[in-house]
Amino acid sequence: MANIKSAIKRIGTTKKETLRNKSVKTNVKTTIRKFETALDKGNLDEARELLQVVDKTLKNAASKNVIHKNAASRRLSRLTKKLNKVK
């Protein structure tokens, strides 16, 4: 256990950041899973709507530095390709 005051504070902030990052990542994964499920079932209209939700969550995660900006763009691009391939 840390004895220095600043180290104790850093432990607390790290725990908070870790919880926030985990919840954001979980939200991203959940929205992507919903999109892919709709795509597998053949609900193209629902998949298009969910792709917009995925876009929003990915950009939100990138803005909070949970994932890198380019990683968010790459994931969105791949999901859009999937949607266009099904059409």
PDB file of N, CA and C in Angstrom:
ATOM      1  N   MET A   1       0.845  -1.183   0.000  1.00  0.00           N
ATOM      2  CA  MET A   1       0.000   0.000   0.000  1.00  0.00           C
ATOM      3  C   MET A   1       0.887   1.243   0.000  1.00  0.00           C
ATOM      4  N   ALA A   2       0.438   2.235  -0.727  1.00  0.00           N
ATOM      5  CA  ALA A   2       1.215   3.470  -0.843  1.00  0.00           C
ATOM      6  C   ALA A   2       1.155   4.280   0.454  1.00  0.00           C
ATOM      7  N   ASN A   3       2.271   4.940   0.753  1.00  0.00           N
ATOM      8  CA  ASN A   3       2.336   5.791   1.936  1.00  0.00           C
ATOM      9  C   ASN A   3       2.282   7.262   1.573  1.00  0.00           C
ATOM     10  N   ILE A   4       2.750   7.586   0.378  1.00  0.00           N
ATOM     11  CA  ILE A   4       2.818   8.988  -0.038  1.00  0.00           C
ATOM     12  C   ILE A   4       1.426   9.461  -0.455  1.00  0.00           C
ATOM     13  N   LYS A   5       1.092  10.678  -0.051  1.00  0.00           N
ATOM     14  CA  LYS A   5      -0.253  11.213  -0.263  1.00  0.00           C
ATOM     15  C   LYS A   5      -0.620  11.257  -1.751  1.00  0.00           C
ATOM     16  N   SER A   6       0.304  11.701  -2.578  1.00  0.00           N
ATOM     17  CA  SER A   6       0.017  11.798  -4.013  1.00  0.00           C
ATOM     18  C   SER A   6      -0.184  10.413  -4.630  1.00  0.00           C
ATOM     19  N   ALA A   7       0.559   9.427  -4.138  1.00  0.00           N
ATOM     20  CA  ALA A   7       0.412   8.058  -4.644  1.00  0.00           C
ATOM     21  C   ALA A   7      -0.959   7.485  -4.259  1.00  0.00           C
ATOM     22  N   ILE A   8      -1.401   7.803  -3.058  1.00  0.00           N
ATOM     23  CA  ILE A   8      -2.723   7.356  -2.603  1.00  0.00           C
ATOM     24  C   ILE A   8      -3.806   7.974  -3.488  1.00  0.00           C
ATOM     25  N   LYS A   9      -3.649   9.277  -3.808  1.00  0.00           N
ATOM     26  CA  LYS A   9      -4.610   9.945  -4.679  1.00  0.00           C
ATOM     27  C   LYS A   9      -4.609   9.313  -6.075  1.00  0.00           C
ATOM     28  N   ARG A  10      -3.427   8.990  -6.586  1.00  0.00           N
ATOM     29  CA  ARG A  10      -3.327   8.388  -7.917  1.00  0.00           C
ATOM     30  C   ARG A  10      -4.034   7.028  -7.957  1.00  0.00           C
ATOM     31  N   ILE A  11      -3.927   6.268  -6.896  1.00  0.00           N
ATOM     32  CA  ILE A  11      -4.605   4.970  -6.831  1.00  0.00           C
ATOM     33  C   ILE A  11      -6.109   5.166  -6.949  1.00  0.00           C
ATOM     34  N   GLY A  12      -6.623   6.166  -6.243  1.00  0.00           N
ATOM     35  CA  GLY A  12      -8.061   6.450  -6.302  1.00  0.00           C
ATOM     36  C   GLY A  12      -8.514   6.887  -7.677  1.00  0.00           C
ATOM     37  N   THR A  13      -7.747   7.788  -8.303  1.00  0.00           N
ATOM     38  CA  THR A  13      -8.139   8.267  -9.640  1.00  0.00           C
ATOM     39  C   THR A  13      -8.024   7.151 -10.673  1.00  0.00           C
ATOM     40  N   THR A  14      -7.015   6.299 -10.516  1.00  0.00           N
ATOM     41  CA  THR A  14      -6.858   5.177 -11.443  1.00  0.00           C
ATOM     42  C   THR A  14      -8.051   4.234 -11.362  1.00  0.00           C
ATOM     43  N   LYS A  15      -8.528   3.989 -10.136  1.00  0.00           N
ATOM     44  CA  LYS A  15      -9.700   3.113  -9.977  1.00  0.00           C
ATOM     45  C   LYS A  15     -10.927   3.715 -10.651  1.00  0.00           C
ATOM     46  N   LYS A  16     -11.113   5.035 -10.469  1.00  0.00           N
ATOM     47  CA  LYS A  16     -12.261   5.720 -11.091  1.00  0.00           C
ATOM     48  C   LYS A  16     -12.174   5.655 -12.607  1.00  0.00           C
ATOM     49  N   GLU A  17     -10.989   5.944 -13.147  1.00  0.00           N
ATOM     50  CA  GLU A  17     -10.797   5.931 -14.598  1.00  0.00           C
ATOM     51  C   GLU A  17     -11.011   4.532 -15.165  1.00  0.00           C
ATOM     52  N   THR A  18     -10.531   3.529 -14.436  1.00  0.00           N
ATOM     53  CA  THR A  18     -10.679   2.146 -14.887  1.00  0.00           C
ATOM     54  C   THR A  18     -12.152   1.765 -14.969  1.00  0.00           C
ATOM     55  N   LEU A  19     -12.930   2.151 -13.954  1.00  0.00           N
ATOM     56  CA  LEU A  19     -14.363   1.857 -13.969  1.00  0.00           C
ATOM     57  C   LEU A  19     -15.068   2.555 -15.124  1.00  0.00           C
ATOM     58  N   ARG A  20     -14.714   3.818 -15.359  1.00  0.00           N
ATOM     59  CA  ARG A  20     -15.327   4.566 -16.450  1.00  0.00           C
ATOM     60  C   ARG A  20     -14.974   3.936 -17.789  1.00  0.00           C
ATOM     61  N   ASN A  21     -13.685   3.617 -17.988  1.00  0.00           N
ATOM     62  CA  ASN A  21     -13.244   3.020 -19.242  1.00  0.00           C
ATOM     63  C   ASN A  21     -13.929   1.685 -19.487  1.00  0.00           C
ATOM     64  N   LYS A  22     -14.076   0.905 -18.430  1.00  0.00           N
ATOM     65  CA  LYS A  22     -14.701  -0.403 -18.564  1.00  0.00           C
ATOM     66  C   LYS A  22     -16.162  -0.268 -18.977  1.00  0.00           C
ATOM     67  N   SER A  23     -16.875   0.686 -18.383  1.00  0.00           N
ATOM     68  CA  SER A  23     -18.286   0.848 -18.723  1.00  0.00           C
ATOM     69  C   SER A  23     -18.443   1.343 -20.158  1.00  0.00           C
ATOM     70  N   VAL A  24     -17.553   2.228 -20.598  1.00  0.00           N
ATOM     71  CA  VAL A  24     -17.629   2.736 -21.969  1.00  0.00           C
ATOM     72  C   VAL A  24     -17.333   1.615 -22.957  1.00  0.00           C
ATOM     73  N   LYS A  25     -16.302   0.814 -22.686  1.00  0.00           N
ATOM     74  CA  LYS A  25     -15.951  -0.302 -23.575  1.00  0.00           C
ATOM     75  C   LYS A  25     -17.076  -1.325 -23.637  1.00  0.00           C
ATOM     76  N   THR A  26     -17.695  -1.599 -22.495  1.00  0.00           N
ATOM     77  CA  THR A  26     -18.803  -2.540 -22.450  1.00  0.00           C
ATOM     78  C   THR A  26     -19.969  -2.026 -23.280  1.00  0.00           C
ATOM     79  N   ASN A  27     -20.244  -0.736 -23.193  1.00  0.00           N
ATOM     80  CA  ASN A  27     -21.317  -0.129 -23.968  1.00  0.00           C
ATOM     81  C   ASN A  27     -21.034  -0.249 -25.467  1.00  0.00           C
ATOM     82  N   VAL A  28     -19.787  -0.017 -25.867  1.00  0.00           N
ATOM     83  CA  VAL A  28     -19.406  -0.137 -27.278  1.00  0.00           C
ATOM     84  C   VAL A  28     -19.626  -1.566 -27.754  1.00  0.00           C
ATOM     85  N   LYS A  29     -19.145  -2.528 -26.976  1.00  0.00           N
ATOM     86  CA  LYS A  29     -19.284  -3.932 -27.363  1.00  0.00           C
ATOM     87  C   LYS A  29     -20.746  -4.339 -27.468  1.00  0.00           C
ATOM     88  N   THR A  30     -21.575  -3.852 -26.545  1.00  0.00           N
ATOM     89  CA  THR A  30     -22.993  -4.190 -26.547  1.00  0.00           C
ATOM     90  C   THR A  30     -23.683  -3.650 -27.797  1.00  0.00           C
ATOM     91  N   THR A  31     -23.398  -2.395 -28.147  1.00  0.00           N
ATOM     92  CA  THR A  31     -24.045  -1.815 -29.327  1.00  0.00           C
ATOM     93  C   THR A  31     -23.592  -2.513 -30.600  1.00  0.00           C
ATOM     94  N   ILE A  32     -22.312  -2.892 -30.669  1.00  0.00           N
ATOM     95  CA  ILE A  32     -21.813  -3.620 -31.846  1.00  0.00           C
ATOM     96  C   ILE A  32     -22.481  -4.982 -31.934  1.00  0.00           C
ATOM     97  N   ARG A  33     -22.633  -5.637 -30.790  1.00  0.00           N
ATOM     98  CA  ARG A  33     -23.277  -6.958 -30.776  1.00  0.00           C
ATOM     99  C   ARG A  33     -24.728  -6.863 -31.235  1.00  0.00           C
ATOM    100  N   LYS A  34     -25.440  -5.827 -30.802  1.00  0.00           N
ATOM    101  CA  LYS A  34     -26.832  -5.634 -31.235  1.00  0.00           C
ATOM    102  C   LYS A  34     -26.898  -5.418 -32.739  1.00  0.00           C
ATOM    103  N   PHE A  35     -25.953  -4.616 -33.276  1.00  0.00           N
ATOM    104  CA  PHE A  35     -25.900  -4.356 -34.710  1.00  0.00           C
ATOM    105  C   PHE A  35     -25.676  -5.649 -35.483  1.00  0.00           C
ATOM    106  N   GLU A  36     -24.703  -6.451 -35.052  1.00  0.00           N
ATOM    107  CA  GLU A  36     -24.385  -7.692 -35.763  1.00  0.00           C
ATOM    108  C   GLU A  36     -25.522  -8.703 -35.660  1.00  0.00           C
ATOM    109  N   THR A  37     -26.230  -8.723 -34.546  1.00  0.00           N
ATOM    110  CA  THR A  37     -27.383  -9.607 -34.393  1.00  0.00           C
ATOM    111  C   THR A  37     -28.483  -9.212 -35.367  1.00  0.00           C
ATOM    112  N   ALA A  38     -28.748  -7.927 -35.476  1.00  0.00           N
ATOM    113  CA  ALA A  38     -29.769  -7.453 -36.420  1.00  0.00           C
ATOM    114  C   ALA A  38     -29.365  -7.779 -37.847  1.00  0.00           C
ATOM    115  N   LEU A  39     -28.079  -7.679 -38.137  1.00  0.00           N
ATOM    116  CA  LEU A  39     -27.576  -7.971 -39.475  1.00  0.00           C
ATOM    117  C   LEU A  39     -27.727  -9.454 -39.791  1.00  0.00           C
ATOM    118  N   ASP A  40     -27.433 -10.313 -38.812  1.00  0.00           N
ATOM    119  CA  ASP A  40     -27.560 -11.760 -39.008  1.00  0.00           C
ATOM    120  C   ASP A  40     -29.010 -12.171 -39.237  1.00  0.00           C
ATOM    121  N   LYS A  41     -29.923 -11.491 -38.539  1.00  0.00           N
ATOM    122  CA  LYS A  41     -31.348 -11.810 -38.698  1.00  0.00           C
ATOM    123  C   LYS A  41     -31.911 -11.268 -40.004  1.00  0.00           C
ATOM    124  N   GLY A  42     -31.192 -10.344 -40.642  1.00  0.00           N
ATOM    125  CA  GLY A  42     -31.651  -9.785 -41.906  1.00  0.00           C
ATOM    126  C   GLY A  42     -32.483  -8.529 -41.760  1.00  0.00           C
ATOM    127  N   ASN A  43     -32.499  -7.943 -40.582  1.00  0.00           N
ATOM    128  CA  ASN A  43     -33.228  -6.690 -40.361  1.00  0.00           C
ATOM    129  C   ASN A  43     -32.353  -5.518 -40.806  1.00  0.00           C
ATOM    130  N   LEU A  44     -32.390  -5.197 -42.100  1.00  0.00           N
ATOM    131  CA  LEU A  44     -31.505  -4.155 -42.626  1.00  0.00           C
ATOM    132  C   LEU A  44     -31.871  -2.769 -42.109  1.00  0.00           C
ATOM    133  N   ASP A  45     -33.163  -2.491 -41.985  1.00  0.00           N
ATOM    134  CA  ASP A  45     -33.578  -1.175 -41.483  1.00  0.00           C
ATOM    135  C   ASP A  45     -33.111  -0.971 -40.047  1.00  0.00           C
ATOM    136  N   GLU A  46     -33.305  -2.003 -39.236  1.00  0.00           N
ATOM    137  CA  GLU A  46     -32.870  -1.925 -37.838  1.00  0.00           C
ATOM    138  C   GLU A  46     -31.344  -1.825 -37.764  1.00  0.00           C
ATOM    139  N   ALA A  47     -30.658  -2.551 -38.642  1.00  0.00           N
ATOM    140  CA  ALA A  47     -29.193  -2.518 -38.647  1.00  0.00           C
ATOM    141  C   ALA A  47     -28.678  -1.126 -39.018  1.00  0.00           C
ATOM    142  N   ARG A  48     -29.346  -0.465 -39.958  1.00  0.00           N
ATOM    143  CA  ARG A  48     -28.928   0.899 -40.334  1.00  0.00           C
ATOM    144  C   ARG A  48     -29.069   1.859 -39.150  1.00  0.00           C
ATOM    145  N   GLU A  49     -30.176   1.728 -38.440  1.00  0.00           N
ATOM    146  CA  GLU A  49     -30.391   2.581 -37.267  1.00  0.00           C
ATOM    147  C   GLU A  49     -29.353   2.287 -36.186  1.00  0.00           C
ATOM    148  N   LEU A  50     -29.075   1.003 -35.981  1.00  0.00           N
ATOM    149  CA  LEU A  50     -28.103   0.621 -34.959  1.00  0.00           C
ATOM    150  C   LEU A  50     -26.688   1.041 -35.344  1.00  0.00           C
ATOM    151  N   LEU A  51     -26.417   1.117 -36.640  1.00  0.00           N
ATOM    152  CA  LEU A  51     -25.093   1.567 -37.076  1.00  0.00           C
ATOM    153  C   LEU A  51     -24.864   3.017 -36.663  1.00  0.00           C
ATOM    154  N   GLN A  52     -25.911   3.821 -36.694  1.00  0.00           N
ATOM    155  CA  GLN A  52     -25.791   5.205 -36.237  1.00  0.00           C
ATOM    156  C   GLN A  52     -25.524   5.260 -34.737  1.00  0.00           C
ATOM    157  N   VAL A  53     -26.152   4.351 -33.992  1.00  0.00           N
ATOM    158  CA  VAL A  53     -25.921   4.282 -32.540  1.00  0.00           C
ATOM    159  C   VAL A  53     -24.485   3.847 -32.272  1.00  0.00           C
ATOM    160  N   VAL A  54     -24.009   2.863 -33.043  1.00  0.00           N
ATOM    161  CA  VAL A  54     -22.630   2.395 -32.893  1.00  0.00           C
ATOM    162  C   VAL A  54     -21.659   3.528 -33.194  1.00  0.00           C
ATOM    163  N   ASP A  55     -21.951   4.298 -34.241  1.00  0.00           N
ATOM    164  CA  ASP A  55     -21.110   5.428 -34.609  1.00  0.00           C
ATOM    165  C   ASP A  55     -21.007   6.411 -33.447  1.00  0.00           C
ATOM    166  N   LYS A  56     -22.137   6.708 -32.855  1.00  0.00           N
ATOM    167  CA  LYS A  56     -22.163   7.661 -31.740  1.00  0.00           C
ATOM    168  C   LYS A  56     -21.369   7.138 -30.543  1.00  0.00           C
ATOM    169  N   THR A  57     -21.552   5.864 -30.206  1.00  0.00           N
ATOM    170  CA  THR A  57     -20.851   5.314 -29.043  1.00  0.00           C
ATOM    171  C   THR A  57     -19.346   5.223 -29.292  1.00  0.00           C
ATOM    172  N   LEU A  58     -18.953   4.862 -30.530  1.00  0.00           N
ATOM    173  CA  LEU A  58     -17.527   4.796 -30.844  1.00  0.00           C
ATOM    174  C   LEU A  58     -16.879   6.179 -30.778  1.00  0.00           C
ATOM    175  N   LYS A  59     -17.565   7.175 -31.313  1.00  0.00           N
ATOM    176  CA  LYS A  59     -17.010   8.530 -31.266  1.00  0.00           C
ATOM    177  C   LYS A  59     -16.953   9.043 -29.830  1.00  0.00           C
ATOM    178  N   ASN A  60     -17.930   8.672 -29.037  1.00  0.00           N
ATOM    179  CA  ASN A  60     -17.932   9.047 -27.624  1.00  0.00           C
ATOM    180  C   ASN A  60     -16.740   8.416 -26.901  1.00  0.00           C
ATOM    181  N   ALA A  61     -16.494   7.131 -27.171  1.00  0.00           N
ATOM    182  CA  ALA A  61     -15.365   6.443 -26.546  1.00  0.00           C
ATOM    183  C   ALA A  61     -14.044   7.060 -26.989  1.00  0.00           C
ATOM    184  N   ALA A  62     -13.962   7.432 -28.267  1.00  0.00           N
ATOM    185  CA  ALA A  62     -12.731   8.039 -28.777  1.00  0.00           C
ATOM    186  C   ALA A  62     -12.519   9.426 -28.163  1.00  0.00           C
ATOM    187  N   SER A  63     -13.598  10.168 -27.964  1.00  0.00           N
ATOM    188  CA  SER A  63     -13.457  11.508 -27.397  1.00  0.00           C
ATOM    189  C   SER A  63     -13.020  11.458 -25.932  1.00  0.00           C
ATOM    190  N   LYS A  64     -13.361  10.368 -25.253  1.00  0.00           N
ATOM    191  CA  LYS A  64     -12.955  10.200 -23.855  1.00  0.00           C
ATOM    192  C   LYS A  64     -11.608   9.486 -23.730  1.00  0.00           C
ATOM    193  N   ASN A  65     -10.953   9.245 -24.882  1.00  0.00           N
ATOM    194  CA  ASN A  65      -9.654   8.561 -24.935  1.00  0.00           C
ATOM    195  C   ASN A  65      -9.700   7.152 -24.361  1.00  0.00           C
ATOM    196  N   VAL A  66     -10.854   6.512 -24.452  1.00  0.00           N
ATOM    197  CA  VAL A  66     -10.951   5.118 -24.026  1.00  0.00           C
ATOM    198  C   VAL A  66     -10.374   4.233 -25.125  1.00  0.00           C
ATOM    199  N   ILE A  67     -10.718   4.551 -26.379  1.00  0.00           N
ATOM    200  CA  ILE A  67     -10.084   3.906 -27.526  1.00  0.00           C
ATOM    201  C   ILE A  67      -9.517   5.000 -28.420  1.00  0.00           C
ATOM    202  N   HIS A  68      -8.594   4.618 -29.277  1.00  0.00           N
ATOM    203  CA  HIS A  68      -7.960   5.600 -30.156  1.00  0.00           C
ATOM    204  C   HIS A  68      -8.932   6.026 -31.247  1.00  0.00           C
ATOM    205  N   LYS A  69      -8.778   7.246 -31.703  1.00  0.00           N
ATOM    206  CA  LYS A  69      -9.656   7.817 -32.723  1.00  0.00           C
ATOM    207  C   LYS A  69      -9.634   6.966 -34.002  1.00  0.00           C
ATOM    208  N   ASN A  70      -8.447   6.532 -34.409  1.00  0.00           N
ATOM    209  CA  ASN A  70      -8.330   5.720 -35.626  1.00  0.00           C
ATOM    210  C   ASN A  70      -8.949   4.336 -35.431  1.00  0.00           C
ATOM    211  N   ALA A  71      -8.857   3.798 -34.241  1.00  0.00           N
ATOM    212  CA  ALA A  71      -9.464   2.498 -33.956  1.00  0.00           C
ATOM    213  C   ALA A  71     -10.983   2.592 -34.062  1.00  0.00           C
ATOM    214  N   ALA A  72     -11.543   3.690 -33.586  1.00  0.00           N
ATOM    215  CA  ALA A  72     -12.991   3.895 -33.695  1.00  0.00           C
ATOM    216  C   ALA A  72     -13.405   3.992 -35.162  1.00  0.00           C
ATOM    217  N   SER A  73     -12.637   4.737 -35.942  1.00  0.00           N
ATOM    218  CA  SER A  73     -12.936   4.885 -37.367  1.00  0.00           C
ATOM    219  C   SER A  73     -12.824   3.545 -38.088  1.00  0.00           C
ATOM    220  N   ARG A  74     -11.802   2.780 -37.742  1.00  0.00           N
ATOM    221  CA  ARG A  74     -11.593   1.472 -38.369  1.00  0.00           C
ATOM    222  C   ARG A  74     -12.755   0.528 -38.073  1.00  0.00           C
ATOM    223  N   ARG A  75     -13.169   0.485 -36.817  1.00  0.00           N
ATOM    224  CA  ARG A  75     -14.285  -0.392 -36.452  1.00  0.00           C
ATOM    225  C   ARG A  75     -15.560   0.007 -37.184  1.00  0.00           C
ATOM    226  N   LEU A  76     -15.840   1.301 -37.237  1.00  0.00           N
ATOM    227  CA  LEU A  76     -17.042   1.779 -37.918  1.00  0.00           C
ATOM    228  C   LEU A  76     -16.983   1.448 -39.402  1.00  0.00           C
ATOM    229  N   SER A  77     -15.820   1.611 -39.992  1.00  0.00           N
ATOM    230  CA  SER A  77     -15.641   1.317 -41.411  1.00  0.00           C
ATOM    231  C   SER A  77     -15.912  -0.159 -41.698  1.00  0.00           C
ATOM    232  N   ARG A  78     -15.401  -1.027 -40.861  1.00  0.00           N
ATOM    233  CA  ARG A  78     -15.594  -2.466 -41.051  1.00  0.00           C
ATOM    234  C   ARG A  78     -17.064  -2.859 -40.896  1.00  0.00           C
ATOM    235  N   LEU A  79     -17.739  -2.239 -39.928  1.00  0.00           N
ATOM    236  CA  LEU A  79     -19.153  -2.543 -39.734  1.00  0.00           C
ATOM    237  C   LEU A  79     -19.990  -2.027 -40.911  1.00  0.00           C
ATOM    238  N   THR A  80     -19.616  -0.865 -41.442  1.00  0.00           N
ATOM    239  CA  THR A  80     -20.329  -0.314 -42.596  1.00  0.00           C
ATOM    240  C   THR A  80     -20.141  -1.217 -43.814  1.00  0.00           C
ATOM    241  N   LYS A  81     -18.910  -1.746 -43.971  1.00  0.00           N
ATOM    242  CA  LYS A  81     -18.660  -2.687 -45.079  1.00  0.00           C
ATOM    243  C   LYS A  81     -19.543  -3.924 -44.940  1.00  0.00           C
ATOM    244  N   LYS A  82     -19.666  -4.422 -43.714  1.00  0.00           N
ATOM    245  CA  LYS A  82     -20.529  -5.588 -43.465  1.00  0.00           C
ATOM    246  C   LYS A  82     -21.961  -5.311 -43.892  1.00  0.00           C
ATOM    247  N   LEU A  83     -22.453  -4.123 -43.526  1.00  0.00           N
ATOM    248  CA  LEU A  83     -23.816  -3.745 -43.854  1.00  0.00           C
ATOM    249  C   LEU A  83     -23.992  -3.644 -45.373  1.00  0.00           C
ATOM    250  N   ASN A  84     -23.037  -3.024 -46.041  1.00  0.00           N
ATOM    251  CA  ASN A  84     -23.128  -2.855 -47.483  1.00  0.00           C
ATOM    252  C   ASN A  84     -23.006  -4.173 -48.233  1.00  0.00           C
ATOM    253  N   LYS A  85     -22.268  -5.120 -47.675  1.00  0.00           N
ATOM    254  CA  LYS A  85     -22.091  -6.427 -48.318  1.00  0.00           C
ATOM    255  C   LYS A  85     -23.406  -7.217 -48.290  1.00  0.00           C
ATOM    256  N   VAL A  86     -24.208  -7.034 -47.236  1.00  0.00           N
ATOM    257  CA  VAL A  86     -25.463  -7.775 -47.071  1.00  0.00           C
ATOM    258  C   VAL A  86     -26.520  -7.271 -48.044  1.00  0.00           C
ATOM    259  N   LYS A  87     -26.486  -5.982 -48.356  1.00  0.00           N
ATOM    260  CA  LYS A  87     -27.504  -5.385 -49.215  1.00  0.00           C
ATOM    261  C   LYS A  87     -27.726  -6.122 -50.488  1.00  0.00           C
TER     262      LYS A  87
END
